[in-house]
Structure formats: C-alpha cells, structure tokens
Amino acid sequence: MTTFPRLCVRCNKTVPAKEQCACQRQLKRERNQRHDRNRPTASQRGYTHQWRKASKHFLEMHQHCQCGQRATLVDHVIAHKGDTNLFWDRSNWQPLCTRCHNKHKQRLERSQ
C-alpha cells in the first residue's frame, strides 16, 4: 500500500506520509511546557527514594508487562491524585513497559 504526502491543516505545507509537520511538533512542545509548569515535581507527587526502592522490588517480582515485554515501570491502575493510601496500595500497582504505559496514559489524558 502506497502512502502519499499530505497538507498540514495549520500551515498548508506538504508533509511526508506518517510524519508530523514542524508547526504541529512545536505546538505540542509548547502545550507540554505549559502543562509541566503547573505540575508538581515528581518528589512532590510521592515519587521519592522510598518509591524507587519499592517499585524496583515490585518489578523483580512482576517482570512482564501485559503485552509480554519486560516491564520497566510500575503504574497505578487507579490514579492516586495525591492519596497516599492509594499511592502505596500494591493491589493498585501494575507492571508495564514504557510503550504500554505511555499509550495508556495518553489515552486517559485525551479522554479528560
């Protein structure tokens, strides 16, 4: 199947198939920077040395992601939103690879 270049809807420049236009990449970069300015630091959200130790141990016990790849991250199934009890509840943890984690979180953010 052949794919063809397309026109960017923002700047009308020709963009190779399956690529993002430079103006779209810049727009996304600016949106992410605005989001990050308002976001507490990882440490403020609870991701401390204690978390790193606990998540490392959890990954030693649960080595595979749901897709079968090696898990690299511990994800909270239900977002803890600062609730320390939910944050430390191991039944709310799941092992994920980076790809599945990012795909899952992006889908959640788009739905909000």
PDB file of N, CA and C in Angstrom:
ATOM      1  N   MET A   1       0.846  -1.188   0.000  1.00  0.00           N
ATOM      2  CA  MET A   1       0.000   0.000   0.000  1.00  0.00           C
ATOM      3  C   MET A   1       0.889   1.249   0.000  1.00  0.00           C
ATOM      4  N   THR A   2       0.639   2.127  -0.908  1.00  0.00           N
ATOM      5  CA  THR A   2       1.408   3.358  -1.036  1.00  0.00           C
ATOM      6  C   THR A   2       0.732   4.463  -0.232  1.00  0.00           C
ATOM      7  N   THR A   3       1.540   5.211   0.500  1.00  0.00           N
ATOM      8  CA  THR A   3       1.005   6.366   1.225  1.00  0.00           C
ATOM      9  C   THR A   3       1.567   7.625   0.582  1.00  0.00           C
ATOM     10  N   PHE A   4       0.768   8.664   0.598  1.00  0.00           N
ATOM     11  CA  PHE A   4       1.120   9.895  -0.092  1.00  0.00           C
ATOM     12  C   PHE A   4       1.318  11.033   0.891  1.00  0.00           C
ATOM     13  N   PRO A   5       2.100  12.036   0.480  1.00  0.00           N
ATOM     14  CA  PRO A   5       2.240  13.229   1.322  1.00  0.00           C
ATOM     15  C   PRO A   5       0.882  13.902   1.504  1.00  0.00           C
ATOM     16  N   ARG A   6       0.792  14.723   2.507  1.00  0.00           N
ATOM     17  CA  ARG A   6      -0.461  15.440   2.777  1.00  0.00           C
ATOM     18  C   ARG A   6      -0.151  16.892   3.107  1.00  0.00           C
ATOM     19  N   LEU A   7      -1.194  17.707   3.158  1.00  0.00           N
ATOM     20  CA  LEU A   7      -1.042  19.109   3.536  1.00  0.00           C
ATOM     21  C   LEU A   7      -1.333  19.260   5.024  1.00  0.00           C
ATOM     22  N   CYS A   8      -0.503  20.031   5.690  1.00  0.00           N
ATOM     23  CA  CYS A   8      -0.739  20.339   7.105  1.00  0.00           C
ATOM     24  C   CYS A   8      -1.971  21.236   7.193  1.00  0.00           C
ATOM     25  N   VAL A   9      -2.857  20.949   8.125  1.00  0.00           N
ATOM     26  CA  VAL A   9      -4.078  21.735   8.275  1.00  0.00           C
ATOM     27  C   VAL A   9      -3.819  23.114   8.869  1.00  0.00           C
ATOM     28  N   ARG A  10      -2.675  23.288   9.528  1.00  0.00           N
ATOM     29  CA  ARG A  10      -2.364  24.586  10.138  1.00  0.00           C
ATOM     30  C   ARG A  10      -1.601  25.516   9.195  1.00  0.00           C
ATOM     31  N   CYS A  11      -0.565  24.983   8.523  1.00  0.00           N
ATOM     32  CA  CYS A  11       0.309  25.868   7.747  1.00  0.00           C
ATOM     33  C   CYS A  11       0.269  25.598   6.239  1.00  0.00           C
ATOM     34  N   ASN A  12      -0.468  24.589   5.812  1.00  0.00           N
ATOM     35  CA  ASN A  12      -0.622  24.228   4.397  1.00  0.00           C
ATOM     36  C   ASN A  12       0.667  23.781   3.718  1.00  0.00           C
ATOM     37  N   LYS A  13       1.674  23.408   4.499  1.00  0.00           N
ATOM     38  CA  LYS A  13       2.900  22.868   3.906  1.00  0.00           C
ATOM     39  C   LYS A  13       2.709  21.380   3.646  1.00  0.00           C
ATOM     40  N   THR A  14       3.437  20.872   2.671  1.00  0.00           N
ATOM     41  CA  THR A  14       3.391  19.449   2.367  1.00  0.00           C
ATOM     42  C   THR A  14       4.197  18.687   3.415  1.00  0.00           C
ATOM     43  N   VAL A  15       3.585  17.633   3.930  1.00  0.00           N
ATOM     44  CA  VAL A  15       4.196  16.827   4.983  1.00  0.00           C
ATOM     45  C   VAL A  15       4.288  15.387   4.484  1.00  0.00           C
ATOM     46  N   PRO A  16       5.459  14.753   4.624  1.00  0.00           N
ATOM     47  CA  PRO A  16       5.573  13.345   4.228  1.00  0.00           C
ATOM     48  C   PRO A  16       4.556  12.480   4.972  1.00  0.00           C
ATOM     49  N   ALA A  17       4.155  11.397   4.355  1.00  0.00           N
ATOM     50  CA  ALA A  17       3.184  10.489   4.953  1.00  0.00           C
ATOM     51  C   ALA A  17       3.678  10.000   6.297  1.00  0.00           C
ATOM     52  N   LYS A  18       2.771   9.863   7.231  1.00  0.00           N
ATOM     53  CA  LYS A  18       3.033   9.345   8.572  1.00  0.00           C
ATOM     54  C   LYS A  18       4.014  10.187   9.380  1.00  0.00           C
ATOM     55  N   GLU A  19       4.208  11.442   9.022  1.00  0.00           N
ATOM     56  CA  GLU A  19       5.057  12.347   9.799  1.00  0.00           C
ATOM     57  C   GLU A  19       4.220  13.523  10.273  1.00  0.00           C
ATOM     58  N   GLN A  20       4.724  14.189  11.285  1.00  0.00           N
ATOM     59  CA  GLN A  20       4.051  15.353  11.828  1.00  0.00           C
ATOM     60  C   GLN A  20       4.760  16.604  11.319  1.00  0.00           C
ATOM     61  N   CYS A  21       4.003  17.610  10.984  1.00  0.00           N
ATOM     62  CA  CYS A  21       4.556  18.868  10.498  1.00  0.00           C
ATOM     63  C   CYS A  21       5.336  19.560  11.627  1.00  0.00           C
ATOM     64  N   ALA A  22       6.334  20.335  11.256  1.00  0.00           N
ATOM     65  CA  ALA A  22       7.146  21.066  12.239  1.00  0.00           C
ATOM     66  C   ALA A  22       6.279  21.982  13.099  1.00  0.00           C
ATOM     67  N   CYS A  23       5.275  22.604  12.505  1.00  0.00           N
ATOM     68  CA  CYS A  23       4.413  23.505  13.293  1.00  0.00           C
ATOM     69  C   CYS A  23       3.599  22.708  14.313  1.00  0.00           C
ATOM     70  N   GLN A  24       3.198  21.490  13.971  1.00  0.00           N
ATOM     71  CA  GLN A  24       2.467  20.637  14.909  1.00  0.00           C
ATOM     72  C   GLN A  24       3.375  20.175  16.053  1.00  0.00           C
ATOM     73  N   ARG A  25       4.624  19.832  15.733  1.00  0.00           N
ATOM     74  CA  ARG A  25       5.578  19.433  16.779  1.00  0.00           C
ATOM     75  C   ARG A  25       5.824  20.589  17.738  1.00  0.00           C
ATOM     76  N   GLN A  26       5.975  21.799  17.207  1.00  0.00           N
ATOM     77  CA  GLN A  26       6.195  22.984  18.043  1.00  0.00           C
ATOM     78  C   GLN A  26       4.982  23.250  18.928  1.00  0.00           C
ATOM     79  N   LEU A  27       3.800  23.128  18.369  1.00  0.00           N
ATOM     80  CA  LEU A  27       2.569  23.337  19.134  1.00  0.00           C
ATOM     81  C   LEU A  27       2.483  22.338  20.293  1.00  0.00           C
ATOM     82  N   LYS A  28       2.815  21.089  20.024  1.00  0.00           N
ATOM     83  CA  LYS A  28       2.796  20.067  21.067  1.00  0.00           C
ATOM     84  C   LYS A  28       3.846  20.359  22.136  1.00  0.00           C
ATOM     85  N   ARG A  29       5.028  20.770  21.727  1.00  0.00           N
ATOM     86  CA  ARG A  29       6.099  21.105  22.670  1.00  0.00           C
ATOM     87  C   ARG A  29       5.643  22.240  23.600  1.00  0.00           C
ATOM     88  N   GLU A  30       5.013  23.283  23.051  1.00  0.00           N
ATOM     89  CA  GLU A  30       4.536  24.409  23.853  1.00  0.00           C
ATOM     90  C   GLU A  30       3.425  23.984  24.814  1.00  0.00           C
ATOM     91  N   ARG A  31       2.516  23.130  24.336  1.00  0.00           N
ATOM     92  CA  ARG A  31       1.426  22.635  25.181  1.00  0.00           C
ATOM     93  C   ARG A  31       1.993  21.828  26.357  1.00  0.00           C
ATOM     94  N   ASN A  32       2.975  20.971  26.084  1.00  0.00           N
ATOM     95  CA  ASN A  32       3.603  20.176  27.144  1.00  0.00           C
ATOM     96  C   ASN A  32       4.333  21.065  28.151  1.00  0.00           C
ATOM     97  N   GLN A  33       4.978  22.126  27.683  1.00  0.00           N
ATOM     98  CA  GLN A  33       5.680  23.032  28.592  1.00  0.00           C
ATOM     99  C   GLN A  33       4.694  23.756  29.507  1.00  0.00           C
ATOM    100  N   ARG A  34       3.546  24.175  28.961  1.00  0.00           N
ATOM    101  CA  ARG A  34       2.515  24.823  29.796  1.00  0.00           C
ATOM    102  C   ARG A  34       2.010  23.856  30.863  1.00  0.00           C
ATOM    103  N   HIS A  35       1.789  22.614  30.449  1.00  0.00           N
ATOM    104  CA  HIS A  35       1.312  21.593  31.392  1.00  0.00           C
ATOM    105  C   HIS A  35       2.345  21.365  32.490  1.00  0.00           C
ATOM    106  N   ASP A  36       3.607  21.232  32.126  1.00  0.00           N
ATOM    107  CA  ASP A  36       4.670  20.944  33.086  1.00  0.00           C
ATOM    108  C   ASP A  36       4.891  22.079  34.083  1.00  0.00           C
ATOM    109  N   ARG A  37       4.666  23.326  33.657  1.00  0.00           N
ATOM    110  CA  ARG A  37       4.846  24.468  34.572  1.00  0.00           C
ATOM    111  C   ARG A  37       3.882  24.392  35.752  1.00  0.00           C
ATOM    112  N   ASN A  38       2.695  23.844  35.518  1.00  0.00           N
ATOM    113  CA  ASN A  38       1.671  23.778  36.561  1.00  0.00           C
ATOM    114  C   ASN A  38       1.698  22.468  37.345  1.00  0.00           C
ATOM    115  N   ARG A  39       2.573  21.570  36.986  1.00  0.00           N
ATOM    116  CA  ARG A  39       2.605  20.242  37.588  1.00  0.00           C
ATOM    117  C   ARG A  39       3.621  20.198  38.731  1.00  0.00           C
ATOM    118  N   PRO A  40       3.240  19.587  39.865  1.00  0.00           N
ATOM    119  CA  PRO A  40       4.203  19.419  40.957  1.00  0.00           C
ATOM    120  C   PRO A  40       5.362  18.524  40.510  1.00  0.00           C
ATOM    121  N   THR A  41       6.485  18.630  41.180  1.00  0.00           N
ATOM    122  CA  THR A  41       7.637  17.800  40.844  1.00  0.00           C
ATOM    123  C   THR A  41       7.320  16.338  41.179  1.00  0.00           C
ATOM    124  N   ALA A  42       8.130  15.440  40.636  1.00  0.00           N
ATOM    125  CA  ALA A  42       7.945  14.012  40.911  1.00  0.00           C
ATOM    126  C   ALA A  42       8.025  13.753  42.413  1.00  0.00           C
ATOM    127  N   SER A  43       8.978  14.374  43.066  1.00  0.00           N
ATOM    128  CA  SER A  43       9.135  14.194  44.503  1.00  0.00           C
ATOM    129  C   SER A  43       7.896  14.689  45.257  1.00  0.00           C
ATOM    130  N   GLN A  44       7.348  15.822  44.838  1.00  0.00           N
ATOM    131  CA  GLN A  44       6.144  16.359  45.466  1.00  0.00           C
ATOM    132  C   GLN A  44       4.940  15.446  45.241  1.00  0.00           C
ATOM    133  N   ARG A  45       4.957  14.671  44.151  1.00  0.00           N
ATOM    134  CA  ARG A  45       3.866  13.743  43.850  1.00  0.00           C
ATOM    135  C   ARG A  45       4.057  12.397  44.537  1.00  0.00           C
ATOM    136  N   GLY A  46       5.166  12.217  45.287  1.00  0.00           N
ATOM    137  CA  GLY A  46       5.376  10.996  46.060  1.00  0.00           C
ATOM    138  C   GLY A  46       6.429  10.059  45.512  1.00  0.00           C
ATOM    139  N   TYR A  47       7.009  10.385  44.372  1.00  0.00           N
ATOM    140  CA  TYR A  47       7.995   9.508  43.743  1.00  0.00           C
ATOM    141  C   TYR A  47       9.390   9.799  44.313  1.00  0.00           C
ATOM    142  N   THR A  48       9.608   9.283  45.517  1.00  0.00           N
ATOM    143  CA  THR A  48      10.819   9.525  46.287  1.00  0.00           C
ATOM    144  C   THR A  48      11.737   8.298  46.221  1.00  0.00           C
ATOM    145  N   HIS A  49      12.818   8.357  47.000  1.00  0.00           N
ATOM    146  CA  HIS A  49      13.729   7.218  47.101  1.00  0.00           C
ATOM    147  C   HIS A  49      12.983   5.976  47.601  1.00  0.00           C
ATOM    148  N   GLN A  50      12.084   6.171  48.544  1.00  0.00           N
ATOM    149  CA  GLN A  50      11.295   5.058  49.078  1.00  0.00           C
ATOM    150  C   GLN A  50      10.462   4.420  47.957  1.00  0.00           C
ATOM    151  N   TRP A  51       9.865   5.242  47.093  1.00  0.00           N
ATOM    152  CA  TRP A  51       9.097   4.722  45.951  1.00  0.00           C
ATOM    153  C   TRP A  51      10.005   3.953  44.995  1.00  0.00           C
ATOM    154  N   ARG A  52      11.167   4.497  44.682  1.00  0.00           N
ATOM    155  CA  ARG A  52      12.080   3.825  43.754  1.00  0.00           C
ATOM    156  C   ARG A  52      12.470   2.447  44.270  1.00  0.00           C
ATOM    157  N   LYS A  53      12.731   2.348  45.567  1.00  0.00           N
ATOM    158  CA  LYS A  53      13.071   1.049  46.151  1.00  0.00           C
ATOM    159  C   LYS A  53      11.891   0.084  46.061  1.00  0.00           C
ATOM    160  N   ALA A  54      10.710   0.545  46.423  1.00  0.00           N
ATOM    161  CA  ALA A  54       9.515  -0.308  46.413  1.00  0.00           C
ATOM    162  C   ALA A  54       9.153  -0.732  44.995  1.00  0.00           C
ATOM    163  N   SER A  55       9.249   0.180  44.048  1.00  0.00           N
ATOM    164  CA  SER A  55       8.882  -0.172  42.670  1.00  0.00           C
ATOM    165  C   SER A  55       9.911  -1.123  42.052  1.00  0.00           C
ATOM    166  N   LYS A  56      11.182  -0.940  42.406  1.00  0.00           N
ATOM    167  CA  LYS A  56      12.215  -1.859  41.919  1.00  0.00           C
ATOM    168  C   LYS A  56      11.943  -3.274  42.433  1.00  0.00           C
ATOM    169  N   HIS A  57      11.603  -3.386  43.700  1.00  0.00           N
ATOM    170  CA  HIS A  57      11.276  -4.695  44.289  1.00  0.00           C
ATOM    171  C   HIS A  57      10.035  -5.286  43.613  1.00  0.00           C
ATOM    172  N   PHE A  58       9.031  -4.471  43.374  1.00  0.00           N
ATOM    173  CA  PHE A  58       7.800  -4.931  42.720  1.00  0.00           C
ATOM    174  C   PHE A  58       8.110  -5.473  41.322  1.00  0.00           C
ATOM    175  N   LEU A  59       8.980  -4.780  40.586  1.00  0.00           N
ATOM    176  CA  LEU A  59       9.334  -5.228  39.238  1.00  0.00           C
ATOM    177  C   LEU A  59      10.162  -6.511  39.258  1.00  0.00           C
ATOM    178  N   GLU A  60      10.903  -6.737  40.324  1.00  0.00           N
ATOM    179  CA  GLU A  60      11.626  -8.005  40.450  1.00  0.00           C
ATOM    180  C   GLU A  60      10.651  -9.167  40.595  1.00  0.00           C
ATOM    181  N   MET A  61       9.525  -8.915  41.240  1.00  0.00           N
ATOM    182  CA  MET A  61       8.509  -9.950  41.450  1.00  0.00           C
ATOM    183  C   MET A  61       7.543 -10.073  40.263  1.00  0.00           C
ATOM    184  N   HIS A  62       7.343  -8.984  39.530  1.00  0.00           N
ATOM    185  CA  HIS A  62       6.401  -8.940  38.395  1.00  0.00           C
ATOM    186  C   HIS A  62       7.162  -8.385  37.191  1.00  0.00           C
ATOM    187  N   GLN A  63       7.810  -9.273  36.462  1.00  0.00           N
ATOM    188  CA  GLN A  63       8.774  -8.843  35.457  1.00  0.00           C
ATOM    189  C   GLN A  63       8.195  -8.538  34.084  1.00  0.00           C
ATOM    190  N   HIS A  64       6.941  -8.940  33.835  1.00  0.00           N
ATOM    191  CA  HIS A  64       6.421  -8.780  32.479  1.00  0.00           C
ATOM    192  C   HIS A  64       5.195  -7.880  32.425  1.00  0.00           C
ATOM    193  N   CYS A  65       5.163  -7.103  31.357  1.00  0.00           N
ATOM    194  CA  CYS A  65       4.036  -6.220  31.056  1.00  0.00           C
ATOM    195  C   CYS A  65       2.884  -7.073  30.529  1.00  0.00           C
ATOM    196  N   GLN A  66       1.710  -6.509  30.460  1.00  0.00           N
ATOM    197  CA  GLN A  66       0.549  -7.202  29.909  1.00  0.00           C
ATOM    198  C   GLN A  66       0.747  -7.601  28.450  1.00  0.00           C
ATOM    199  N   CYS A  67       1.642  -6.912  27.735  1.00  0.00           N
ATOM    200  CA  CYS A  67       1.906  -7.232  26.327  1.00  0.00           C
ATOM    201  C   CYS A  67       2.955  -8.329  26.177  1.00  0.00           C
ATOM    202  N   GLY A  68       3.571  -8.744  27.284  1.00  0.00           N
ATOM    203  CA  GLY A  68       4.576  -9.793  27.238  1.00  0.00           C
ATOM    204  C   GLY A  68       6.014  -9.283  27.259  1.00  0.00           C
ATOM    205  N   GLN A  69       6.199  -7.987  27.029  1.00  0.00           N
ATOM    206  CA  GLN A  69       7.543  -7.404  27.078  1.00  0.00           C
ATOM    207  C   GLN A  69       7.997  -7.288  28.532  1.00  0.00           C
ATOM    208  N   ARG A  70       9.278  -7.035  28.709  1.00  0.00           N
ATOM    209  CA  ARG A  70       9.809  -6.834  30.057  1.00  0.00           C
ATOM    210  C   ARG A  70       9.259  -5.519  30.626  1.00  0.00           C
ATOM    211  N   ALA A  71       8.723  -5.571  31.825  1.00  0.00           N
ATOM    212  CA  ALA A  71       8.175  -4.379  32.480  1.00  0.00           C
ATOM    213  C   ALA A  71       9.317  -3.487  32.951  1.00  0.00           C
ATOM    214  N   THR A  72       9.149  -2.192  32.771  1.00  0.00           N
ATOM    215  CA  THR A  72      10.156  -1.225  33.191  1.00  0.00           C
ATOM    216  C   THR A  72       9.601  -0.193  34.172  1.00  0.00           C
ATOM    217  N   LEU A  73       8.285  -0.153  34.308  1.00  0.00           N
ATOM    218  CA  LEU A  73       7.634   0.847  35.156  1.00  0.00           C
ATOM    219  C   LEU A  73       6.548   0.215  36.011  1.00  0.00           C
ATOM    220  N   VAL A  74       6.319   0.801  37.165  1.00  0.00           N
ATOM    221  CA  VAL A  74       5.175   0.426  37.984  1.00  0.00           C
ATOM    222  C   VAL A  74       4.145   1.533  37.815  1.00  0.00           C
ATOM    223  N   ASP A  75       2.960   1.149  37.391  1.00  0.00           N
ATOM    224  CA  ASP A  75       1.892   2.098  37.124  1.00  0.00           C
ATOM    225  C   ASP A  75       0.794   1.939  38.173  1.00  0.00           C
ATOM    226  N   HIS A  76       0.155   3.033  38.527  1.00  0.00           N
ATOM    227  CA  HIS A  76      -1.012   2.981  39.402  1.00  0.00           C
ATOM    228  C   HIS A  76      -2.229   2.752  38.520  1.00  0.00           C
ATOM    229  N   VAL A  77      -2.945   1.656  38.743  1.00  0.00           N
ATOM    230  CA  VAL A  77      -4.127   1.318  37.946  1.00  0.00           C
ATOM    231  C   VAL A  77      -5.144   2.440  38.072  1.00  0.00           C
ATOM    232  N   ILE A  78      -5.441   2.821  39.297  1.00  0.00           N
ATOM    233  CA  ILE A  78      -6.324   3.964  39.574  1.00  0.00           C
ATOM    234  C   ILE A  78      -5.416   5.116  39.978  1.00  0.00           C
ATOM    235  N   ALA A  79      -5.529   6.233  39.289  1.00  0.00           N
ATOM    236  CA  ALA A  79      -4.689   7.396  39.592  1.00  0.00           C
ATOM    237  C   ALA A  79      -4.857   7.777  41.060  1.00  0.00           C
ATOM    238  N   HIS A  80      -3.745   7.938  41.762  1.00  0.00           N
ATOM    239  CA  HIS A  80      -3.809   8.221  43.199  1.00  0.00           C
ATOM    240  C   HIS A  80      -4.135   9.674  43.495  1.00  0.00           C
ATOM    241  N   LYS A  81      -3.806  10.582  42.611  1.00  0.00           N
ATOM    242  CA  LYS A  81      -4.110  12.011  42.754  1.00  0.00           C
ATOM    243  C   LYS A  81      -3.762  12.548  44.138  1.00  0.00           C
ATOM    244  N   GLY A  82      -2.603  12.113  44.658  1.00  0.00           N
ATOM    245  CA  GLY A  82      -2.131  12.612  45.946  1.00  0.00           C
ATOM    246  C   GLY A  82      -2.589  11.811  47.145  1.00  0.00           C
ATOM    247  N   ASP A  83      -3.460  10.845  46.969  1.00  0.00           N
ATOM    248  CA  ASP A  83      -3.937   9.997  48.067  1.00  0.00           C
ATOM    249  C   ASP A  83      -2.834   9.000  48.414  1.00  0.00           C
ATOM    250  N   THR A  84      -2.171   9.190  49.557  1.00  0.00           N
ATOM    251  CA  THR A  84      -1.021   8.339  49.902  1.00  0.00           C
ATOM    252  C   THR A  84      -1.424   6.886  50.138  1.00  0.00           C
ATOM    253  N   ASN A  85      -2.630   6.654  50.657  1.00  0.00           N
ATOM    254  CA  ASN A  85      -3.075   5.263  50.840  1.00  0.00           C
ATOM    255  C   ASN A  85      -3.199   4.550  49.498  1.00  0.00           C
ATOM    256  N   LEU A  86      -3.787   5.211  48.525  1.00  0.00           N
ATOM    257  CA  LEU A  86      -3.926   4.627  47.192  1.00  0.00           C
ATOM    258  C   LEU A  86      -2.569   4.532  46.504  1.00  0.00           C
ATOM    259  N   PHE A  87      -1.709   5.507  46.737  1.00  0.00           N
ATOM    260  CA  PHE A  87      -0.367   5.506  46.156  1.00  0.00           C
ATOM    261  C   PHE A  87       0.409   4.263  46.580  1.00  0.00           C
ATOM    262  N   TRP A  88       0.344   3.905  47.862  1.00  0.00           N
ATOM    263  CA  TRP A  88       1.126   2.783  48.395  1.00  0.00           C
ATOM    264  C   TRP A  88       0.378   1.460  48.392  1.00  0.00           C
ATOM    265  N   ASP A  89      -0.850   1.430  47.933  1.00  0.00           N
ATOM    266  CA  ASP A  89      -1.633   0.194  47.868  1.00  0.00           C
ATOM    267  C   ASP A  89      -1.124  -0.671  46.708  1.00  0.00           C
ATOM    268  N   ARG A  90      -0.393  -1.734  47.034  1.00  0.00           N
ATOM    269  CA  ARG A  90       0.226  -2.576  45.995  1.00  0.00           C
ATOM    270  C   ARG A  90      -0.796  -3.270  45.108  1.00  0.00           C
ATOM    271  N   SER A  91      -2.013  -3.431  45.582  1.00  0.00           N
ATOM    272  CA  SER A  91      -3.038  -4.032  44.719  1.00  0.00           C
ATOM    273  C   SER A  91      -3.446  -3.054  43.607  1.00  0.00           C
ATOM    274  N   ASN A  92      -3.028  -1.799  43.732  1.00  0.00           N
ATOM    275  CA  ASN A  92      -3.300  -0.779  42.723  1.00  0.00           C
ATOM    276  C   ASN A  92      -2.112  -0.593  41.775  1.00  0.00           C
ATOM    277  N   TRP A  93      -1.086  -1.412  41.909  1.00  0.00           N
ATOM    278  CA  TRP A  93       0.105  -1.312  41.066  1.00  0.00           C
ATOM    279  C   TRP A  93       0.037  -2.341  39.949  1.00  0.00           C
ATOM    280  N   GLN A  94       0.589  -1.976  38.796  1.00  0.00           N
ATOM    281  CA  GLN A  94       0.717  -2.928  37.699  1.00  0.00           C
ATOM    282  C   GLN A  94       2.048  -2.701  36.994  1.00  0.00           C
ATOM    283  N   PRO A  95       2.693  -3.792  36.562  1.00  0.00           N
ATOM    284  CA  PRO A  95       3.953  -3.663  35.829  1.00  0.00           C
ATOM    285  C   PRO A  95       3.669  -3.382  34.361  1.00  0.00           C
ATOM    286  N   LEU A  96       4.316  -2.366  33.809  1.00  0.00           N
ATOM    287  CA  LEU A  96       4.125  -2.029  32.401  1.00  0.00           C
ATOM    288  C   LEU A  96       5.462  -1.726  31.733  1.00  0.00           C
ATOM    289  N   CYS A  97       5.541  -1.974  30.435  1.00  0.00           N
ATOM    290  CA  CYS A  97       6.678  -1.492  29.660  1.00  0.00           C
ATOM    291  C   CYS A  97       6.401  -0.017  29.347  1.00  0.00           C
ATOM    292  N   THR A  98       7.424   0.697  28.952  1.00  0.00           N
ATOM    293  CA  THR A  98       7.269   2.130  28.684  1.00  0.00           C
ATOM    294  C   THR A  98       6.236   2.378  27.597  1.00  0.00           C
ATOM    295  N   ARG A  99       6.270   1.562  26.547  1.00  0.00           N
ATOM    296  CA  ARG A  99       5.341   1.755  25.426  1.00  0.00           C
ATOM    297  C   ARG A  99       3.877   1.646  25.883  1.00  0.00           C
ATOM    298  N   CYS A 100       3.553   0.587  26.620  1.00  0.00           N
ATOM    299  CA  CYS A 100       2.173   0.412  27.099  1.00  0.00           C
ATOM    300  C   CYS A 100       1.789   1.507  28.091  1.00  0.00           C
ATOM    301  N   HIS A 101       2.709   1.877  28.968  1.00  0.00           N
ATOM    302  CA  HIS A 101       2.435   2.929  29.947  1.00  0.00           C
ATOM    303  C   HIS A 101       2.084   4.238  29.246  1.00  0.00           C
ATOM    304  N   ASN A 102       2.902   4.646  28.292  1.00  0.00           N
ATOM    305  CA  ASN A 102       2.668   5.913  27.610  1.00  0.00           C
ATOM    306  C   ASN A 102       1.394   5.879  26.786  1.00  0.00           C
ATOM    307  N   LYS A 103       1.129   4.761  26.121  1.00  0.00           N
ATOM    308  CA  LYS A 103      -0.083   4.622  25.318  1.00  0.00           C
ATOM    309  C   LYS A 103      -1.315   4.725  26.213  1.00  0.00           C
ATOM    310  N   HIS A 104      -1.282   4.036  27.349  1.00  0.00           N
ATOM    311  CA  HIS A 104      -2.400   4.030  28.292  1.00  0.00           C
ATOM    312  C   HIS A 104      -2.632   5.425  28.872  1.00  0.00           C
ATOM    313  N   LYS A 105      -1.573   6.078  29.323  1.00  0.00           N
ATOM    314  CA  LYS A 105      -1.703   7.396  29.951  1.00  0.00           C
ATOM    315  C   LYS A 105      -2.156   8.459  28.951  1.00  0.00           C
ATOM    316  N   GLN A 106      -1.661   8.389  27.716  1.00  0.00           N
ATOM    317  CA  GLN A 106      -2.085   9.357  26.702  1.00  0.00           C
ATOM    318  C   GLN A 106      -3.568   9.203  26.400  1.00  0.00           C
ATOM    319  N   ARG A 107      -4.036   7.962  26.353  1.00  0.00           N
ATOM    320  CA  ARG A 107      -5.454   7.730  26.101  1.00  0.00           C
ATOM    321  C   ARG A 107      -6.287   8.311  27.238  1.00  0.00           C
ATOM    322  N   LEU A 108      -5.841   8.139  28.487  1.00  0.00           N
ATOM    323  CA  LEU A 108      -6.553   8.708  29.626  1.00  0.00           C
ATOM    324  C   LEU A 108      -6.584  10.229  29.588  1.00  0.00           C
ATOM    325  N   GLU A 109      -5.434  10.835  29.261  1.00  0.00           N
ATOM    326  CA  GLU A 109      -5.365  12.297  29.216  1.00  0.00           C
ATOM    327  C   GLU A 109      -6.249  12.865  28.119  1.00  0.00           C
ATOM    328  N   ARG A 110      -6.332  12.194  26.986  1.00  0.00           N
ATOM    329  CA  ARG A 110      -7.186  12.679  25.905  1.00  0.00           C
ATOM    330  C   ARG A 110      -8.657  12.607  26.267  1.00  0.00           C
ATOM    331  N   SER A 111      -9.038  11.647  27.114  1.00  0.00           N
ATOM    332  CA  SER A 111     -10.445  11.466  27.467  1.00  0.00           C
ATOM    333  C   SER A 111     -10.910  12.446  28.535  1.00  0.00           C
ATOM    334  N   GLN A 112      -9.977  13.160  29.166  1.00  0.00           N
ATOM    335  CA  GLN A 112     -10.352  14.093  30.244  1.00  0.00           C
ATOM    336  C   GLN A 112     -10.674  15.460  29.706  1.00  0.00           C
TER     337      GLN A 112
END
